[in-house]
Amino acid sequence: MKHLLIIISILLLSSPLFGQETGVLYRYKTSSGIKWKTFGNEKVQPKYKGGIKNGKPNGFGFQTYKNGNKYFGEHKNGFPNGQGRSIYPDGSMYLGEYKNGKLNGYAIQYNADGSIYREGIFKDGEFLYEEKRSESTSSSSGNSELDNHKEFCKEIGFIPGTEKFGDCVMKLMDKD
């Protein structure tokens, strides 16, 4: 997981160096498909902030949805594509490889408490089979790094399941 965070950090820091446009876009569903526009209301349309190419999300960026779901990671032609993380309001999370907006390849699904629900191979967003690659999993004999970060954020006053709580946990994970 540390390698993924290092890669994401490098992408985040290096994208402006290569002259890629960055900005904010809003996703609209139309009869002819998905359109990205520079104006919108984040309470109505999904909002994207990050690298842009040809008027679509491209490179590293963040998407937030009106239901509270979030995605951050790599994008290509308007869709999550490459390494990324989907975080849900209850604190559960997917971490893995995306292609055309869906999990494809190896990914880990975490429960809200930070324990691993399952890890393995996905295709077009569907779980195919288990494959363990993680360095360690949560067990009754000790807490995972994610559990420790969540506990720390709770101790300093963040409320689990809120956006601020998730930001706290993610900042701690980035420092690992």
N, C-alpha and C. Protein backbone atom coordinates (compact mmCIF):
# COMPACT_ATOMS: atom_id res chain seq x y z
N MET A 1 0.83 -1.18 0.00
CA MET A 1 0.00 0.00 0.00
C MET A 1 0.89 1.25 0.00
N LYS A 2 2.05 1.18 0.66
CA LYS A 2 2.94 2.32 0.68
C LYS A 2 3.40 2.68 -0.73
N HIS A 3 3.64 1.65 -1.57
CA HIS A 3 4.08 1.90 -2.94
C HIS A 3 3.01 2.64 -3.73
N LEU A 4 1.76 2.25 -3.54
CA LEU A 4 0.66 2.91 -4.23
C LEU A 4 0.58 4.37 -3.81
N LEU A 5 0.71 4.66 -2.53
CA LEU A 5 0.65 6.03 -2.05
C LEU A 5 1.81 6.86 -2.60
N ILE A 6 2.99 6.27 -2.70
CA ILE A 6 4.14 6.96 -3.26
C ILE A 6 3.88 7.28 -4.73
N ILE A 7 3.35 6.31 -5.48
CA ILE A 7 3.05 6.52 -6.90
C ILE A 7 2.02 7.63 -7.07
N ILE A 8 0.96 7.58 -6.27
CA ILE A 8 -0.08 8.61 -6.36
C ILE A 8 0.50 9.98 -6.02
N SER A 9 1.36 10.06 -5.01
CA SER A 9 1.98 11.33 -4.63
C SER A 9 2.84 11.87 -5.76
N ILE A 10 3.61 11.00 -6.40
CA ILE A 10 4.45 11.42 -7.52
C ILE A 10 3.59 11.94 -8.65
N LEU A 11 2.52 11.22 -8.97
CA LEU A 11 1.63 11.68 -10.04
C LEU A 11 1.01 13.02 -9.71
N LEU A 12 0.59 13.19 -8.47
CA LEU A 12 -0.03 14.44 -8.04
C LEU A 12 0.95 15.59 -8.14
N LEU A 13 2.17 15.37 -7.72
CA LEU A 13 3.16 16.44 -7.72
C LEU A 13 3.74 16.71 -9.10
N SER A 14 3.79 15.70 -9.95
CA SER A 14 4.46 15.88 -11.23
C SER A 14 3.54 16.33 -12.36
N SER A 15 2.23 16.13 -12.27
CA SER A 15 1.36 16.44 -13.40
C SER A 15 1.45 17.90 -13.84
N PRO A 16 1.52 18.91 -12.95
CA PRO A 16 1.65 20.28 -13.43
C PRO A 16 2.99 20.53 -14.13
N LEU A 17 4.02 19.75 -13.80
CA LEU A 17 5.32 19.93 -14.42
C LEU A 17 5.29 19.59 -15.90
N PHE A 18 4.37 18.75 -16.32
CA PHE A 18 4.29 18.35 -17.71
C PHE A 18 3.30 19.21 -18.49
N GLY A 19 2.83 20.30 -17.88
CA GLY A 19 1.98 21.24 -18.57
C GLY A 19 0.54 20.80 -18.72
N GLN A 20 0.10 19.84 -17.98
CA GLN A 20 -1.28 19.39 -18.09
C GLN A 20 -2.19 20.41 -17.43
N GLU A 21 -3.29 20.70 -18.10
CA GLU A 21 -4.29 21.61 -17.56
C GLU A 21 -4.94 20.97 -16.33
N THR A 22 -5.23 21.78 -15.33
CA THR A 22 -5.96 21.30 -14.16
C THR A 22 -7.15 22.21 -13.94
N GLY A 23 -8.16 21.70 -13.28
CA GLY A 23 -9.33 22.51 -13.02
C GLY A 23 -10.46 21.70 -12.42
N VAL A 24 -11.67 22.27 -12.49
CA VAL A 24 -12.87 21.65 -11.94
C VAL A 24 -13.86 21.42 -13.07
N LEU A 25 -14.44 20.21 -13.08
CA LEU A 25 -15.46 19.86 -14.07
C LEU A 25 -16.65 19.23 -13.34
N TYR A 26 -17.81 19.31 -13.98
CA TYR A 26 -19.03 18.69 -13.47
C TYR A 26 -19.55 17.73 -14.52
N ARG A 27 -20.00 16.55 -14.07
CA ARG A 27 -20.47 15.51 -14.99
C ARG A 27 -21.98 15.62 -15.19
N TYR A 28 -22.36 15.62 -16.47
CA TYR A 28 -23.77 15.66 -16.85
C TYR A 28 -24.08 14.41 -17.66
N LYS A 29 -25.22 13.78 -17.37
CA LYS A 29 -25.70 12.66 -18.19
C LYS A 29 -26.66 13.23 -19.22
N THR A 30 -26.39 12.94 -20.49
CA THR A 30 -27.26 13.41 -21.56
C THR A 30 -27.73 12.22 -22.38
N SER A 31 -28.62 12.47 -23.32
CA SER A 31 -29.11 11.38 -24.18
C SER A 31 -28.00 10.80 -25.05
N SER A 32 -26.95 11.58 -25.27
CA SER A 32 -25.83 11.08 -26.08
C SER A 32 -24.65 10.60 -25.23
N GLY A 33 -24.85 10.50 -23.92
CA GLY A 33 -23.80 9.99 -23.05
C GLY A 33 -23.39 11.01 -22.00
N ILE A 34 -22.21 10.82 -21.45
CA ILE A 34 -21.70 11.69 -20.38
C ILE A 34 -20.96 12.86 -21.00
N LYS A 35 -21.25 14.06 -20.47
CA LYS A 35 -20.57 15.28 -20.89
C LYS A 35 -19.98 15.94 -19.65
N TRP A 36 -18.80 16.50 -19.80
CA TRP A 36 -18.14 17.22 -18.71
C TRP A 36 -18.18 18.71 -19.03
N LYS A 37 -18.57 19.51 -18.03
CA LYS A 37 -18.68 20.96 -18.22
C LYS A 37 -17.99 21.67 -17.06
N THR A 38 -17.60 22.93 -17.30
CA THR A 38 -16.87 23.70 -16.30
C THR A 38 -17.80 24.37 -15.29
N PHE A 39 -19.08 24.19 -15.43
CA PHE A 39 -20.04 24.78 -14.49
C PHE A 39 -20.99 23.71 -14.00
N GLY A 40 -21.52 23.91 -12.81
CA GLY A 40 -22.46 22.95 -12.27
C GLY A 40 -22.68 23.17 -10.79
N ASN A 41 -23.41 22.27 -10.20
CA ASN A 41 -23.74 22.33 -8.78
C ASN A 41 -23.38 20.98 -8.18
N GLU A 42 -22.41 20.97 -7.28
CA GLU A 42 -21.92 19.70 -6.72
C GLU A 42 -22.99 18.97 -5.91
N LYS A 43 -24.07 19.64 -5.58
CA LYS A 43 -25.17 18.97 -4.90
C LYS A 43 -26.06 18.21 -5.88
N VAL A 44 -25.86 18.48 -7.19
CA VAL A 44 -26.67 17.84 -8.23
C VAL A 44 -25.81 16.94 -9.13
N GLN A 45 -24.65 17.45 -9.56
CA GLN A 45 -23.77 16.70 -10.46
C GLN A 45 -22.49 16.26 -9.73
N PRO A 46 -21.96 15.11 -10.12
CA PRO A 46 -20.64 14.74 -9.60
C PRO A 46 -19.61 15.80 -10.00
N LYS A 47 -18.71 16.10 -9.07
CA LYS A 47 -17.69 17.13 -9.27
C LYS A 47 -16.32 16.46 -9.37
N TYR A 48 -15.51 16.94 -10.31
CA TYR A 48 -14.15 16.45 -10.51
C TYR A 48 -13.19 17.60 -10.35
N LYS A 49 -12.08 17.35 -9.69
CA LYS A 49 -11.02 18.34 -9.56
C LYS A 49 -9.70 17.64 -9.83
N GLY A 50 -8.96 18.12 -10.84
CA GLY A 50 -7.69 17.50 -11.16
C GLY A 50 -7.26 17.78 -12.58
N GLY A 51 -6.46 16.86 -13.13
CA GLY A 51 -5.94 17.00 -14.47
C GLY A 51 -7.04 16.90 -15.52
N ILE A 52 -6.91 17.72 -16.57
CA ILE A 52 -7.91 17.76 -17.64
C ILE A 52 -7.20 17.72 -18.99
N LYS A 53 -7.77 16.93 -19.90
CA LYS A 53 -7.27 16.88 -21.28
C LYS A 53 -8.47 16.75 -22.20
N ASN A 54 -8.54 17.60 -23.19
CA ASN A 54 -9.66 17.61 -24.14
C ASN A 54 -11.01 17.74 -23.44
N GLY A 55 -11.05 18.54 -22.37
CA GLY A 55 -12.31 18.80 -21.67
C GLY A 55 -12.81 17.65 -20.82
N LYS A 56 -11.96 16.65 -20.56
CA LYS A 56 -12.36 15.49 -19.75
C LYS A 56 -11.32 15.24 -18.66
N PRO A 57 -11.75 14.62 -17.54
CA PRO A 57 -10.77 14.24 -16.52
C PRO A 57 -9.68 13.34 -17.13
N ASN A 58 -8.45 13.71 -16.87
CA ASN A 58 -7.32 12.95 -17.39
C ASN A 58 -6.12 13.19 -16.49
N GLY A 59 -5.52 12.12 -15.98
CA GLY A 59 -4.43 12.26 -15.02
C GLY A 59 -4.97 12.05 -13.62
N PHE A 60 -4.29 12.62 -12.64
CA PHE A 60 -4.70 12.44 -11.25
C PHE A 60 -5.79 13.43 -10.88
N GLY A 61 -6.81 12.94 -10.16
CA GLY A 61 -7.87 13.85 -9.72
C GLY A 61 -8.79 13.22 -8.70
N PHE A 62 -9.73 14.04 -8.23
CA PHE A 62 -10.71 13.66 -7.20
C PHE A 62 -12.11 13.81 -7.77
N GLN A 63 -12.96 12.83 -7.53
CA GLN A 63 -14.38 12.96 -7.88
C GLN A 63 -15.18 12.83 -6.59
N THR A 64 -16.17 13.70 -6.43
CA THR A 64 -17.09 13.59 -5.31
C THR A 64 -18.50 13.51 -5.88
N TYR A 65 -19.31 12.68 -5.27
CA TYR A 65 -20.66 12.42 -5.75
C TYR A 65 -21.67 12.93 -4.74
N LYS A 66 -22.87 13.25 -5.19
CA LYS A 66 -23.88 13.83 -4.30
C LYS A 66 -24.29 12.88 -3.18
N ASN A 67 -24.09 11.57 -3.36
CA ASN A 67 -24.43 10.60 -2.31
C ASN A 67 -23.32 10.44 -1.26
N GLY A 68 -22.22 11.20 -1.43
CA GLY A 68 -21.12 11.14 -0.47
C GLY A 68 -19.96 10.26 -0.89
N ASN A 69 -20.12 9.46 -1.94
CA ASN A 69 -19.02 8.63 -2.42
C ASN A 69 -17.92 9.52 -2.99
N LYS A 70 -16.68 9.03 -2.89
CA LYS A 70 -15.53 9.76 -3.42
C LYS A 70 -14.60 8.79 -4.14
N TYR A 71 -13.94 9.30 -5.15
CA TYR A 71 -12.90 8.53 -5.84
C TYR A 71 -11.72 9.46 -5.99
N PHE A 72 -10.53 8.97 -5.69
CA PHE A 72 -9.35 9.72 -6.06
C PHE A 72 -8.32 8.77 -6.62
N GLY A 73 -7.69 9.25 -7.68
CA GLY A 73 -6.71 8.43 -8.37
C GLY A 73 -6.59 8.87 -9.81
N GLU A 74 -6.13 7.94 -10.62
CA GLU A 74 -5.86 8.23 -12.02
C GLU A 74 -7.15 8.19 -12.85
N HIS A 75 -7.18 9.02 -13.90
CA HIS A 75 -8.31 9.10 -14.83
C HIS A 75 -7.79 9.08 -16.26
N LYS A 76 -8.64 8.60 -17.17
CA LYS A 76 -8.32 8.64 -18.59
C LYS A 76 -9.64 8.80 -19.35
N ASN A 77 -9.70 9.78 -20.22
CA ASN A 77 -10.89 10.04 -21.03
C ASN A 77 -12.17 10.15 -20.21
N GLY A 78 -12.07 10.76 -19.03
CA GLY A 78 -13.25 11.01 -18.22
C GLY A 78 -13.63 9.95 -17.21
N PHE A 79 -12.89 8.84 -17.17
CA PHE A 79 -13.23 7.73 -16.28
C PHE A 79 -12.05 7.39 -15.37
N PRO A 80 -12.34 6.87 -14.16
CA PRO A 80 -11.26 6.32 -13.35
C PRO A 80 -10.54 5.23 -14.15
N ASN A 81 -9.23 5.36 -14.23
CA ASN A 81 -8.44 4.45 -15.05
C ASN A 81 -7.03 4.42 -14.50
N GLY A 82 -6.61 3.29 -13.95
CA GLY A 82 -5.31 3.17 -13.30
C GLY A 82 -5.51 2.95 -11.82
N GLN A 83 -4.52 3.29 -11.02
CA GLN A 83 -4.62 3.10 -9.57
C GLN A 83 -5.55 4.15 -8.96
N GLY A 84 -6.42 3.69 -8.06
CA GLY A 84 -7.33 4.62 -7.42
C GLY A 84 -7.96 4.05 -6.17
N ARG A 85 -8.73 4.92 -5.51
CA ARG A 85 -9.37 4.57 -4.26
C ARG A 85 -10.80 5.12 -4.27
N SER A 86 -11.77 4.26 -4.00
CA SER A 86 -13.17 4.69 -3.82
C SER A 86 -13.48 4.61 -2.34
N ILE A 87 -14.01 5.71 -1.80
CA ILE A 87 -14.32 5.78 -0.38
C ILE A 87 -15.80 6.09 -0.24
N TYR A 88 -16.46 5.39 0.67
CA TYR A 88 -17.90 5.50 0.86
C TYR A 88 -18.20 6.17 2.19
N PRO A 89 -19.37 6.81 2.31
CA PRO A 89 -19.70 7.55 3.53
C PRO A 89 -19.61 6.73 4.82
N ASP A 90 -19.84 5.42 4.74
CA ASP A 90 -19.76 4.60 5.95
C ASP A 90 -18.33 4.27 6.36
N GLY A 91 -17.34 4.70 5.56
CA GLY A 91 -15.94 4.45 5.86
C GLY A 91 -15.35 3.26 5.13
N SER A 92 -16.17 2.48 4.42
CA SER A 92 -15.63 1.35 3.64
C SER A 92 -14.91 1.91 2.41
N MET A 93 -14.08 1.07 1.80
CA MET A 93 -13.21 1.56 0.74
C MET A 93 -12.78 0.44 -0.20
N TYR A 94 -12.61 0.77 -1.46
CA TYR A 94 -11.95 -0.09 -2.44
C TYR A 94 -10.64 0.57 -2.81
N LEU A 95 -9.59 -0.20 -2.92
CA LEU A 95 -8.28 0.29 -3.30
C LEU A 95 -7.74 -0.66 -4.36
N GLY A 96 -7.49 -0.14 -5.57
CA GLY A 96 -6.99 -1.03 -6.60
C GLY A 96 -6.93 -0.42 -7.97
N GLU A 97 -6.96 -1.29 -8.96
CA GLU A 97 -6.79 -0.94 -10.37
C GLU A 97 -8.15 -0.76 -11.03
N TYR A 98 -8.32 0.38 -11.71
CA TYR A 98 -9.57 0.69 -12.41
C TYR A 98 -9.32 0.76 -13.91
N LYS A 99 -10.34 0.42 -14.69
CA LYS A 99 -10.30 0.57 -16.14
C LYS A 99 -11.70 0.97 -16.59
N ASN A 100 -11.77 2.06 -17.33
CA ASN A 100 -13.05 2.57 -17.82
C ASN A 100 -14.09 2.74 -16.71
N GLY A 101 -13.65 3.19 -15.55
CA GLY A 101 -14.55 3.49 -14.45
C GLY A 101 -14.92 2.33 -13.56
N LYS A 102 -14.40 1.14 -13.85
CA LYS A 102 -14.74 -0.04 -13.04
C LYS A 102 -13.47 -0.73 -12.55
N LEU A 103 -13.60 -1.43 -11.41
CA LEU A 103 -12.45 -2.20 -10.91
C LEU A 103 -12.10 -3.28 -11.93
N ASN A 104 -10.83 -3.33 -12.28
CA ASN A 104 -10.31 -4.35 -13.19
C ASN A 104 -8.90 -4.69 -12.75
N GLY A 105 -8.69 -5.93 -12.35
CA GLY A 105 -7.39 -6.33 -11.85
C GLY A 105 -7.45 -6.52 -10.35
N TYR A 106 -6.30 -6.39 -9.72
CA TYR A 106 -6.19 -6.63 -8.28
C TYR A 106 -6.76 -5.45 -7.49
N ALA A 107 -7.54 -5.75 -6.45
CA ALA A 107 -8.08 -4.71 -5.56
C ALA A 107 -8.34 -5.29 -4.18
N ILE A 108 -8.39 -4.41 -3.20
CA ILE A 108 -8.73 -4.78 -1.83
C ILE A 108 -9.98 -4.01 -1.45
N GLN A 109 -10.94 -4.70 -0.85
CA GLN A 109 -12.15 -4.06 -0.33
C GLN A 109 -12.04 -4.06 1.19
N TYR A 110 -12.12 -2.86 1.79
CA TYR A 110 -12.02 -2.70 3.24
C TYR A 110 -13.40 -2.45 3.83
N ASN A 111 -13.65 -3.03 4.99
CA ASN A 111 -14.84 -2.72 5.76
C ASN A 111 -14.67 -1.35 6.39
N ALA A 112 -15.75 -0.79 6.91
CA ALA A 112 -15.71 0.52 7.57
C ALA A 112 -14.76 0.53 8.76
N ASP A 113 -14.57 -0.61 9.42
CA ASP A 113 -13.68 -0.66 10.59
C ASP A 113 -12.21 -0.82 10.21
N GLY A 114 -11.91 -0.86 8.91
CA GLY A 114 -10.53 -0.96 8.43
C GLY A 114 -10.07 -2.38 8.17
N SER A 115 -10.86 -3.37 8.54
CA SER A 115 -10.47 -4.76 8.26
C SER A 115 -10.70 -5.07 6.79
N ILE A 116 -9.96 -6.02 6.29
CA ILE A 116 -10.11 -6.41 4.88
C ILE A 116 -11.32 -7.32 4.74
N TYR A 117 -12.24 -6.91 3.88
CA TYR A 117 -13.41 -7.72 3.58
C TYR A 117 -13.04 -8.80 2.58
N ARG A 118 -12.38 -8.39 1.50
CA ARG A 118 -11.88 -9.35 0.52
C ARG A 118 -10.83 -8.66 -0.34
N GLU A 119 -9.95 -9.47 -0.87
CA GLU A 119 -8.96 -8.97 -1.82
C GLU A 119 -8.79 -10.01 -2.91
N GLY A 120 -8.61 -9.51 -4.10
CA GLY A 120 -8.47 -10.43 -5.21
C GLY A 120 -8.63 -9.73 -6.54
N ILE A 121 -9.09 -10.49 -7.50
CA ILE A 121 -9.15 -10.03 -8.89
C ILE A 121 -10.59 -9.66 -9.26
N PHE A 122 -10.73 -8.48 -9.86
CA PHE A 122 -12.01 -7.98 -10.33
C PHE A 122 -11.96 -7.83 -11.85
N LYS A 123 -13.11 -7.96 -12.49
CA LYS A 123 -13.24 -7.69 -13.92
C LYS A 123 -14.55 -6.95 -14.13
N ASP A 124 -14.46 -5.79 -14.78
CA ASP A 124 -15.63 -4.95 -15.04
C ASP A 124 -16.46 -4.71 -13.78
N GLY A 125 -15.78 -4.50 -12.65
CA GLY A 125 -16.45 -4.20 -11.39
C GLY A 125 -16.95 -5.40 -10.61
N GLU A 126 -16.82 -6.59 -11.17
CA GLU A 126 -17.31 -7.81 -10.51
C GLU A 126 -16.14 -8.58 -9.91
N PHE A 127 -16.31 -9.06 -8.68
CA PHE A 127 -15.28 -9.87 -8.01
C PHE A 127 -15.22 -11.25 -8.66
N LEU A 128 -14.02 -11.65 -9.10
CA LEU A 128 -13.86 -12.96 -9.74
C LEU A 128 -13.35 -14.02 -8.78
N TYR A 129 -12.20 -13.75 -8.15
CA TYR A 129 -11.63 -14.73 -7.24
C TYR A 129 -10.66 -14.07 -6.27
N GLU A 130 -10.44 -14.77 -5.16
CA GLU A 130 -9.57 -14.27 -4.10
C GLU A 130 -8.10 -14.43 -4.49
N GLU A 131 -7.32 -13.41 -4.18
CA GLU A 131 -5.87 -13.47 -4.34
C GLU A 131 -5.28 -12.55 -3.30
N LYS A 132 -4.51 -13.09 -2.38
CA LYS A 132 -3.94 -12.30 -1.29
C LYS A 132 -2.56 -11.79 -1.70
N ARG A 133 -2.39 -10.46 -1.61
CA ARG A 133 -1.11 -9.84 -1.87
C ARG A 133 -0.72 -8.88 -0.76
N SER A 134 -1.69 -8.53 0.10
CA SER A 134 -1.42 -7.53 1.12
C SER A 134 -0.35 -8.04 2.08
N GLU A 135 0.44 -7.09 2.59
CA GLU A 135 1.53 -7.44 3.50
C GLU A 135 1.01 -7.98 4.82
N SER A 136 -0.10 -7.41 5.28
CA SER A 136 -0.68 -7.90 6.52
C SER A 136 -2.17 -7.63 6.49
N THR A 137 -2.91 -8.41 7.25
CA THR A 137 -4.34 -8.19 7.36
C THR A 137 -4.68 -7.98 8.82
N SER A 138 -5.82 -7.39 9.05
CA SER A 138 -6.25 -7.18 10.44
C SER A 138 -6.48 -8.53 11.09
N SER A 139 -6.09 -8.63 12.33
CA SER A 139 -6.34 -9.86 13.08
C SER A 139 -6.67 -9.49 14.51
N SER A 140 -7.13 -10.44 15.25
CA SER A 140 -7.49 -10.16 16.64
C SER A 140 -6.26 -9.90 17.49
N SER A 141 -5.06 -10.27 17.03
CA SER A 141 -3.87 -10.08 17.83
C SER A 141 -3.28 -8.68 17.69
N GLY A 142 -3.76 -7.87 16.75
CA GLY A 142 -3.23 -6.53 16.61
C GLY A 142 -4.00 -5.73 15.58
N ASN A 143 -3.82 -4.43 15.64
CA ASN A 143 -4.52 -3.55 14.73
C ASN A 143 -3.73 -3.35 13.46
N SER A 144 -4.45 -3.16 12.36
CA SER A 144 -3.80 -2.81 11.11
C SER A 144 -3.42 -1.34 11.16
N GLU A 145 -2.57 -0.90 10.25
CA GLU A 145 -2.18 0.49 10.16
C GLU A 145 -3.42 1.37 9.98
N LEU A 146 -4.33 0.93 9.12
CA LEU A 146 -5.55 1.68 8.87
C LEU A 146 -6.37 1.81 10.15
N ASP A 147 -6.49 0.72 10.91
CA ASP A 147 -7.21 0.77 12.19
C ASP A 147 -6.57 1.79 13.13
N ASN A 148 -5.24 1.79 13.19
CA ASN A 148 -4.53 2.72 14.06
C ASN A 148 -4.80 4.17 13.67
N HIS A 149 -4.80 4.44 12.36
CA HIS A 149 -5.08 5.79 11.88
C HIS A 149 -6.51 6.20 12.21
N LYS A 150 -7.45 5.28 12.02
CA LYS A 150 -8.85 5.59 12.34
C LYS A 150 -9.01 5.86 13.83
N GLU A 151 -8.36 5.07 14.65
CA GLU A 151 -8.45 5.26 16.10
C GLU A 151 -7.87 6.61 16.51
N PHE A 152 -6.73 6.97 15.92
CA PHE A 152 -6.12 8.25 16.23
C PHE A 152 -7.05 9.40 15.86
N CYS A 153 -7.64 9.35 14.66
CA CYS A 153 -8.54 10.42 14.22
C CYS A 153 -9.75 10.53 15.13
N LYS A 154 -10.26 9.37 15.62
CA LYS A 154 -11.37 9.39 16.59
C LYS A 154 -10.93 10.07 17.88
N GLU A 155 -9.71 9.73 18.35
CA GLU A 155 -9.20 10.26 19.61
C GLU A 155 -9.04 11.77 19.58
N ILE A 156 -8.70 12.33 18.41
CA ILE A 156 -8.49 13.78 18.35
C ILE A 156 -9.77 14.52 17.98
N GLY A 157 -10.89 13.79 17.91
CA GLY A 157 -12.18 14.47 17.80
C GLY A 157 -12.92 14.36 16.49
N PHE A 158 -12.39 13.66 15.49
CA PHE A 158 -13.11 13.51 14.23
C PHE A 158 -14.17 12.43 14.38
N ILE A 159 -15.29 12.61 13.71
CA ILE A 159 -16.42 11.69 13.82
C ILE A 159 -16.38 10.69 12.66
N PRO A 160 -16.30 9.38 12.97
CA PRO A 160 -16.27 8.36 11.91
C PRO A 160 -17.47 8.51 10.96
N GLY A 161 -17.20 8.30 9.67
CA GLY A 161 -18.25 8.39 8.67
C GLY A 161 -18.41 9.77 8.07
N THR A 162 -17.65 10.76 8.59
CA THR A 162 -17.74 12.10 8.03
C THR A 162 -16.57 12.34 7.07
N GLU A 163 -16.74 13.35 6.23
CA GLU A 163 -15.70 13.70 5.26
C GLU A 163 -14.41 14.09 5.97
N LYS A 164 -14.50 14.86 7.03
CA LYS A 164 -13.31 15.30 7.78
C LYS A 164 -12.57 14.11 8.39
N PHE A 165 -13.33 13.11 8.87
CA PHE A 165 -12.72 11.90 9.41
C PHE A 165 -11.92 11.18 8.32
N GLY A 166 -12.55 11.02 7.15
CA GLY A 166 -11.87 10.37 6.03
C GLY A 166 -10.62 11.12 5.60
N ASP A 167 -10.70 12.46 5.57
CA ASP A 167 -9.53 13.27 5.21
C ASP A 167 -8.40 13.06 6.22
N CYS A 168 -8.75 13.00 7.51
CA CYS A 168 -7.76 12.77 8.56
C CYS A 168 -7.05 11.44 8.34
N VAL A 169 -7.82 10.38 8.13
CA VAL A 169 -7.24 9.04 7.93
C VAL A 169 -6.34 9.03 6.70
N MET A 170 -6.81 9.63 5.61
CA MET A 170 -6.03 9.61 4.37
C MET A 170 -4.73 10.40 4.51
N LYS A 171 -4.75 11.51 5.24
CA LYS A 171 -3.52 12.28 5.45
C LYS A 171 -2.51 11.45 6.25
N LEU A 172 -2.98 10.73 7.25
CA LEU A 172 -2.08 9.88 8.02
C LEU A 172 -1.51 8.75 7.16
N MET A 173 -2.35 8.18 6.29
CA MET A 173 -1.88 7.10 5.41
C MET A 173 -0.84 7.64 4.43
N ASP A 174 -1.03 8.86 3.95
CA ASP A 174 -0.06 9.45 3.03
C ASP A 174 1.31 9.64 3.66
N LYS A 175 1.34 9.82 4.99
CA LYS A 175 2.61 10.03 5.69
C LYS A 175 3.38 8.74 5.91
N ASP A 176 2.71 7.60 5.78
CA ASP A 176 3.36 6.30 6.03
C ASP A 176 4.43 6.01 5.00
